[in-house]
């Protein structure tokens, strides 16, 4: 499995080896060993999500309170999506930056984003199906969002696809509003939490 680290710390792209024969294909879309080597501890998996979206649907930018936050390992098994990792950690040298990765079913890849990072994606095809593994379960009181169309983020969503947002995402604050409200994770808090996980081996 090939691993590329993005310029935002804690964000990585995994490209598995795909084996083809006359029956079809086979791949290991998740393996714990490469991720453990990167993080310094094994990722605890608490929940697996399945999301189907029609073309143009834009989900995110979502994040969770730290600790414990919610790390995610994301792939697309049908159609294609434009996946975004956003650094929401106040105090990070890349605060407010984002990375875009196209995930699709023809060139299987996965994106990992660590605790404290924001996640969003836009469906580029009809019935785009995204699977993601989560380090913690759904907790509505600890989960938040930043508006994905905030000009300050400058995310280059597909210009030929009309964005379709949920009412909750459409009402999300801008990055600056969330920062002023004290709602964003702090980089030093995230780093301390990462280190506690390494020390405990959890």
C-alpha atoms as a PDB file:
ATOM      1  CA  UNK A   1       0.000   0.000   0.000  1.00  0.00           C
ATOM      2  CA  UNK A   2       1.413   3.374  -1.040  1.00  0.00           C
ATOM      3  CA  UNK A   3       1.054   6.231   1.458  1.00  0.00           C
ATOM      4  CA  UNK A   4       1.400   9.952   0.678  1.00  0.00           C
ATOM      5  CA  UNK A   5       1.300  12.587   3.408  1.00  0.00           C
ATOM      6  CA  UNK A   6      -0.481  15.853   2.605  1.00  0.00           C
ATOM      7  CA  UNK A   7       0.913  19.244   3.621  1.00  0.00           C
ATOM      8  CA  UNK A   8      -1.584  19.434   6.500  1.00  0.00           C
ATOM      9  CA  UNK A   9      -0.136  17.392   9.361  1.00  0.00           C
ATOM     10  CA  UNK A  10      -2.319  14.420  10.232  1.00  0.00           C
ATOM     11  CA  UNK A  11      -3.728  14.026   6.701  1.00  0.00           C
ATOM     12  CA  UNK A  12      -2.632  11.160   4.452  1.00  0.00           C
ATOM     13  CA  UNK A  13      -3.692   9.426   1.233  1.00  0.00           C
ATOM     14  CA  UNK A  14      -3.547   5.631   0.972  1.00  0.00           C
ATOM     15  CA  UNK A  15      -3.383   3.919  -2.419  1.00  0.00           C
ATOM     16  CA  UNK A  16      -3.834   0.146  -2.144  1.00  0.00           C
ATOM     17  CA  UNK A  17      -2.469  -2.347  -4.638  1.00  0.00           C
ATOM     18  CA  UNK A  18      -5.303  -3.649  -6.830  1.00  0.00           C
ATOM     19  CA  UNK A  19      -5.108  -7.253  -8.062  1.00  0.00           C
ATOM     20  CA  UNK A  20      -6.961  -8.035 -11.290  1.00  0.00           C
ATOM     21  CA  UNK A  21      -7.806 -11.343 -12.935  1.00  0.00           C
ATOM     22  CA  UNK A  22     -10.557 -12.789 -15.115  1.00  0.00           C
ATOM     23  CA  UNK A  23     -12.936 -12.898 -12.131  1.00  0.00           C
ATOM     24  CA  UNK A  24     -12.623  -9.194 -11.323  1.00  0.00           C
ATOM     25  CA  UNK A  25     -10.413  -7.403  -8.813  1.00  0.00           C
ATOM     26  CA  UNK A  26      -9.350  -7.491  -5.163  1.00  0.00           C
ATOM     27  CA  UNK A  27      -7.795  -4.886  -2.862  1.00  0.00           C
ATOM     28  CA  UNK A  28      -7.193  -4.224   0.809  1.00  0.00           C
ATOM     29  CA  UNK A  29      -8.811  -0.821   1.242  1.00  0.00           C
ATOM     30  CA  UNK A  30      -7.776  -0.575   4.918  1.00  0.00           C
ATOM     31  CA  UNK A  31      -4.837  -2.052   6.793  1.00  0.00           C
ATOM     32  CA  UNK A  32      -3.963  -1.092  10.342  1.00  0.00           C
ATOM     33  CA  UNK A  33      -0.176  -1.530  10.067  1.00  0.00           C
ATOM     34  CA  UNK A  34       0.679   1.404   7.743  1.00  0.00           C
ATOM     35  CA  UNK A  35      -1.559   3.748   9.710  1.00  0.00           C
ATOM     36  CA  UNK A  36      -0.100   2.595  13.034  1.00  0.00           C
ATOM     37  CA  UNK A  37       3.396   3.347  11.730  1.00  0.00           C
ATOM     38  CA  UNK A  38       2.323   6.899  10.816  1.00  0.00           C
ATOM     39  CA  UNK A  39       0.413   7.655  14.011  1.00  0.00           C
ATOM     40  CA  UNK A  40       2.539   5.798  16.544  1.00  0.00           C
ATOM     41  CA  UNK A  41      -0.496   3.964  17.899  1.00  0.00           C
ATOM     42  CA  UNK A  42      -3.227   1.702  16.467  1.00  0.00           C
ATOM     43  CA  UNK A  43      -6.371   3.525  15.381  1.00  0.00           C
ATOM     44  CA  UNK A  44      -9.372   2.598  17.478  1.00  0.00           C
ATOM     45  CA  UNK A  45     -12.381   1.991  15.228  1.00  0.00           C
ATOM     46  CA  UNK A  46     -15.779   2.667  16.773  1.00  0.00           C
ATOM     47  CA  UNK A  47     -18.106   3.168  13.808  1.00  0.00           C
ATOM     48  CA  UNK A  48     -18.340   2.609  10.047  1.00  0.00           C
ATOM     49  CA  UNK A  49     -20.533   4.962   7.978  1.00  0.00           C
ATOM     50  CA  UNK A  50     -22.072   4.519   4.520  1.00  0.00           C
ATOM     51  CA  UNK A  51     -23.194   7.652   2.677  1.00  0.00           C
ATOM     52  CA  UNK A  52     -24.902   7.852  -0.719  1.00  0.00           C
ATOM     53  CA  UNK A  53     -25.216  11.238  -2.433  1.00  0.00           C
ATOM     54  CA  UNK A  54     -26.569  12.508  -5.722  1.00  0.00           C
ATOM     55  CA  UNK A  55     -24.490  14.741  -7.972  1.00  0.00           C
ATOM     56  CA  UNK A  56     -23.793  18.121  -6.406  1.00  0.00           C
ATOM     57  CA  UNK A  57     -24.483  17.159  -2.794  1.00  0.00           C
ATOM     58  CA  UNK A  58     -21.932  18.845  -0.531  1.00  0.00           C
ATOM     59  CA  UNK A  59     -21.468  17.454   2.987  1.00  0.00           C
ATOM     60  CA  UNK A  60     -19.385  19.218   5.651  1.00  0.00           C
ATOM     61  CA  UNK A  61     -17.156  20.804   6.807  1.00  0.00           C
ATOM     62  CA  UNK A  62     -17.634  18.570   9.876  1.00  0.00           C
ATOM     63  CA  UNK A  63     -15.482  18.133  12.980  1.00  0.00           C
ATOM     64  CA  UNK A  64     -15.813  17.016  16.610  1.00  0.00           C
ATOM     65  CA  UNK A  65     -14.732  18.360  20.003  1.00  0.00           C
ATOM     66  CA  UNK A  66     -11.223  17.362  21.106  1.00  0.00           C
ATOM     67  CA  UNK A  67     -10.821  15.232  23.076  1.00  0.00           C
ATOM     68  CA  UNK A  68     -11.736  12.703  21.887  1.00  0.00           C
ATOM     69  CA  UNK A  69     -12.457  14.183  18.450  1.00  0.00           C
ATOM     70  CA  UNK A  70     -13.102  11.884  15.524  1.00  0.00           C
ATOM     71  CA  UNK A  71     -10.440  10.611  13.139  1.00  0.00           C
ATOM     72  CA  UNK A  72     -11.746   9.313   9.794  1.00  0.00           C
ATOM     73  CA  UNK A  73     -10.552   6.959   7.068  1.00  0.00           C
ATOM     74  CA  UNK A  74     -12.569   7.709   3.926  1.00  0.00           C
ATOM     75  CA  UNK A  75     -12.988   6.029   0.541  1.00  0.00           C
ATOM     76  CA  UNK A  76     -15.438   6.100  -2.376  1.00  0.00           C
ATOM     77  CA  UNK A  77     -16.737   2.739  -3.635  1.00  0.00           C
ATOM     78  CA  UNK A  78     -19.169   3.991  -6.284  1.00  0.00           C
ATOM     79  CA  UNK A  79     -18.987   7.056  -8.499  1.00  0.00           C
ATOM     80  CA  UNK A  80     -16.672   9.915  -7.557  1.00  0.00           C
ATOM     81  CA  UNK A  81     -16.364  12.642  -4.928  1.00  0.00           C
ATOM     82  CA  UNK A  82     -14.130  15.636  -4.348  1.00  0.00           C
ATOM     83  CA  UNK A  83     -12.892  15.127  -0.794  1.00  0.00           C
ATOM     84  CA  UNK A  84     -11.623  18.006   1.356  1.00  0.00           C
ATOM     85  CA  UNK A  85      -9.486  17.996   4.490  1.00  0.00           C
ATOM     86  CA  UNK A  86      -9.528  21.346   6.318  1.00  0.00           C
ATOM     87  CA  UNK A  87      -7.177  22.340   9.134  1.00  0.00           C
ATOM     88  CA  UNK A  88      -9.450  23.780  11.821  1.00  0.00           C
ATOM     89  CA  UNK A  89      -6.871  23.583  14.635  1.00  0.00           C
ATOM     90  CA  UNK A  90      -6.327  27.081  15.989  1.00  0.00           C
ATOM     91  CA  UNK A  91      -2.594  27.657  16.354  1.00  0.00           C
ATOM     92  CA  UNK A  92      -1.579  25.236  13.614  1.00  0.00           C
ATOM     93  CA  UNK A  93       0.823  26.648  11.004  1.00  0.00           C
ATOM     94  CA  UNK A  94      -1.654  25.472   8.335  1.00  0.00           C
ATOM     95  CA  UNK A  95      -4.784  26.740  10.112  1.00  0.00           C
ATOM     96  CA  UNK A  96      -7.495  27.445   7.541  1.00  0.00           C
ATOM     97  CA  UNK A  97      -5.692  25.545   4.783  1.00  0.00           C
ATOM     98  CA  UNK A  98      -7.325  22.699   2.882  1.00  0.00           C
ATOM     99  CA  UNK A  99      -6.365  19.751   0.703  1.00  0.00           C
ATOM    100  CA  UNK A 100      -8.519  18.343  -2.092  1.00  0.00           C
ATOM    101  CA  UNK A 101      -8.372  14.706  -3.176  1.00  0.00           C
ATOM    102  CA  UNK A 102     -10.575  13.083  -5.813  1.00  0.00           C
ATOM    103  CA  UNK A 103     -11.833   9.713  -4.607  1.00  0.00           C
ATOM    104  CA  UNK A 104     -13.510   7.348  -7.051  1.00  0.00           C
ATOM    105  CA  UNK A 105     -14.291   3.707  -7.648  1.00  0.00           C
ATOM    106  CA  UNK A 106     -11.982   3.282 -10.649  1.00  0.00           C
ATOM    107  CA  UNK A 107      -8.743   4.382  -8.919  1.00  0.00           C
ATOM    108  CA  UNK A 108      -9.313   3.245  -5.325  1.00  0.00           C
ATOM    109  CA  UNK A 109      -7.714   5.489  -2.732  1.00  0.00           C
ATOM    110  CA  UNK A 110      -8.529   6.486   0.824  1.00  0.00           C
ATOM    111  CA  UNK A 111      -7.978   9.659   2.833  1.00  0.00           C
ATOM    112  CA  UNK A 112      -7.121   9.617   6.536  1.00  0.00           C
ATOM    113  CA  UNK A 113      -7.683  12.732   8.634  1.00  0.00           C
ATOM    114  CA  UNK A 114      -6.663  12.898  12.263  1.00  0.00           C
ATOM    115  CA  UNK A 115      -8.535  14.269  15.235  1.00  0.00           C
ATOM    116  CA  UNK A 116      -9.104  18.037  14.995  1.00  0.00           C
ATOM    117  CA  UNK A 117      -9.238  18.211  11.207  1.00  0.00           C
ATOM    118  CA  UNK A 118     -12.416  19.084   9.326  1.00  0.00           C
ATOM    119  CA  UNK A 119     -13.889  16.914   6.587  1.00  0.00           C
ATOM    120  CA  UNK A 120     -16.168  17.609   3.639  1.00  0.00           C
ATOM    121  CA  UNK A 121     -16.906  16.147   0.233  1.00  0.00           C
ATOM    122  CA  UNK A 122     -18.903  16.954  -2.898  1.00  0.00           C
ATOM    123  CA  UNK A 123     -20.495  14.247  -5.069  1.00  0.00           C
ATOM    124  CA  UNK A 124     -19.310  14.515  -8.671  1.00  0.00           C
ATOM    125  CA  UNK A 125     -21.533  11.698  -9.962  1.00  0.00           C
ATOM    126  CA  UNK A 126     -25.005  10.391  -9.279  1.00  0.00           C
ATOM    127  CA  UNK A 127     -25.222   7.880  -6.447  1.00  0.00           C
ATOM    128  CA  UNK A 128     -21.703   8.523  -5.201  1.00  0.00           C
ATOM    129  CA  UNK A 129     -21.169   6.129  -2.296  1.00  0.00           C
ATOM    130  CA  UNK A 130     -18.647   7.004   0.409  1.00  0.00           C
ATOM    131  CA  UNK A 131     -17.540   4.695   3.225  1.00  0.00           C
ATOM    132  CA  UNK A 132     -15.702   5.999   6.240  1.00  0.00           C
ATOM    133  CA  UNK A 133     -14.300   4.422   9.370  1.00  0.00           C
ATOM    134  CA  UNK A 134     -14.466   6.563  12.514  1.00  0.00           C
ATOM    135  CA  UNK A 135     -12.410   6.473  15.703  1.00  0.00           C
ATOM    136  CA  UNK A 136     -15.410   7.486  17.834  1.00  0.00           C
ATOM    137  CA  UNK A 137     -19.147   6.976  17.529  1.00  0.00           C
ATOM    138  CA  UNK A 138     -21.718   9.606  16.614  1.00  0.00           C
ATOM    139  CA  UNK A 139     -22.200  12.174  19.386  1.00  0.00           C
ATOM    140  CA  UNK A 140     -24.510  15.019  18.271  1.00  0.00           C
ATOM    141  CA  UNK A 141     -23.593  17.256  21.217  1.00  0.00           C
ATOM    142  CA  UNK A 142     -19.881  17.124  20.325  1.00  0.00           C
ATOM    143  CA  UNK A 143     -20.122  17.487  16.539  1.00  0.00           C
ATOM    144  CA  UNK A 144     -19.949  20.803  14.711  1.00  0.00           C
ATOM    145  CA  UNK A 145     -19.492  22.340  11.291  1.00  0.00           C
ATOM    146  CA  UNK A 146     -17.989  25.217   9.346  1.00  0.00           C
ATOM    147  CA  UNK A 147     -19.695  26.501   6.208  1.00  0.00           C
ATOM    148  CA  UNK A 148     -18.123  24.735   3.196  1.00  0.00           C
ATOM    149  CA  UNK A 149     -18.684  27.761   0.935  1.00  0.00           C
ATOM    150  CA  UNK A 150     -16.974  30.221   3.283  1.00  0.00           C
ATOM    151  CA  UNK A 151     -14.847  32.432   0.983  1.00  0.00           C
ATOM    152  CA  UNK A 152     -12.130  32.516   3.642  1.00  0.00           C
ATOM    153  CA  UNK A 153     -11.609  28.787   3.177  1.00  0.00           C
ATOM    154  CA  UNK A 154     -11.475  29.181  -0.587  1.00  0.00           C
ATOM    155  CA  UNK A 155     -12.207  25.533  -1.279  1.00  0.00           C
ATOM    156  CA  UNK A 156     -12.270  24.926  -5.022  1.00  0.00           C
ATOM    157  CA  UNK A 157     -15.393  22.856  -5.318  1.00  0.00           C
ATOM    158  CA  UNK A 158     -16.392  21.621  -8.768  1.00  0.00           C
ATOM    159  CA  UNK A 159     -17.610  24.724 -10.602  1.00  0.00           C
ATOM    160  CA  UNK A 160     -19.869  22.774 -12.974  1.00  0.00           C
ATOM    161  CA  UNK A 161     -21.790  21.129 -10.113  1.00  0.00           C
ATOM    162  CA  UNK A 162     -24.456  23.098  -8.218  1.00  0.00           C
ATOM    163  CA  UNK A 163     -23.786  22.586  -4.489  1.00  0.00           C
ATOM    164  CA  UNK A 164     -26.643  21.036  -2.513  1.00  0.00           C
ATOM    165  CA  UNK A 165     -26.338  21.521   1.261  1.00  0.00           C
ATOM    166  CA  UNK A 166     -28.359  20.213   4.176  1.00  0.00           C
ATOM    167  CA  UNK A 167     -30.143  22.896   6.254  1.00  0.00           C
ATOM    168  CA  UNK A 168     -27.653  22.248   9.059  1.00  0.00           C
ATOM    169  CA  UNK A 169     -24.604  22.707   6.838  1.00  0.00           C
ATOM    170  CA  UNK A 170     -26.131  25.766   5.163  1.00  0.00           C
ATOM    171  CA  UNK A 171     -26.561  27.373   8.602  1.00  0.00           C
ATOM    172  CA  UNK A 172     -23.032  26.550   9.777  1.00  0.00           C
ATOM    173  CA  UNK A 173     -20.806  29.461  10.857  1.00  0.00           C
ATOM    174  CA  UNK A 174     -17.870  30.753   8.877  1.00  0.00           C
ATOM    175  CA  UNK A 175     -14.368  29.840  10.002  1.00  0.00           C
ATOM    176  CA  UNK A 176     -13.926  33.243  11.652  1.00  0.00           C
ATOM    177  CA  UNK A 177     -17.287  33.071  13.408  1.00  0.00           C
ATOM    178  CA  UNK A 178     -16.441  29.625  14.778  1.00  0.00           C
ATOM    179  CA  UNK A 179     -12.999  30.831  15.888  1.00  0.00           C
ATOM    180  CA  UNK A 180     -14.392  33.887  17.685  1.00  0.00           C
ATOM    181  CA  UNK A 181     -16.989  31.697  19.415  1.00  0.00           C
ATOM    182  CA  UNK A 182     -14.225  29.433  20.735  1.00  0.00           C
ATOM    183  CA  UNK A 183     -15.819  26.481  18.967  1.00  0.00           C
ATOM    184  CA  UNK A 184     -12.750  25.260  17.072  1.00  0.00           C
ATOM    185  CA  UNK A 185     -10.202  22.741  18.372  1.00  0.00           C
ATOM    186  CA  UNK A 186      -6.840  24.091  19.472  1.00  0.00           C
ATOM    187  CA  UNK A 187      -3.660  22.725  17.940  1.00  0.00           C
ATOM    188  CA  UNK A 188      -1.878  22.375  21.286  1.00  0.00           C
ATOM    189  CA  UNK A 189      -4.839  20.426  22.685  1.00  0.00           C
ATOM    190  CA  UNK A 190      -4.798  18.123  19.658  1.00  0.00           C
ATOM    191  CA  UNK A 191      -1.051  17.583  19.928  1.00  0.00           C
ATOM    192  CA  UNK A 192      -1.390  16.728  23.611  1.00  0.00           C
ATOM    193  CA  UNK A 193      -4.133  14.248  22.795  1.00  0.00           C
ATOM    194  CA  UNK A 194      -2.067  12.634  20.012  1.00  0.00           C
ATOM    195  CA  UNK A 195       0.829  12.250  22.462  1.00  0.00           C
ATOM    196  CA  UNK A 196      -1.394  10.693  25.131  1.00  0.00           C
ATOM    197  CA  UNK A 197      -2.543   8.097  22.594  1.00  0.00           C
ATOM    198  CA  UNK A 198       1.063   7.293  21.665  1.00  0.00           C
ATOM    199  CA  UNK A 199       2.040   6.916  25.309  1.00  0.00           C
ATOM    200  CA  UNK A 200      -0.896   4.658  26.113  1.00  0.00           C
ATOM    201  CA  UNK A 201      -0.676   2.698  22.878  1.00  0.00           C
ATOM    202  CA  UNK A 202      -4.488   2.968  22.732  1.00  0.00           C
END
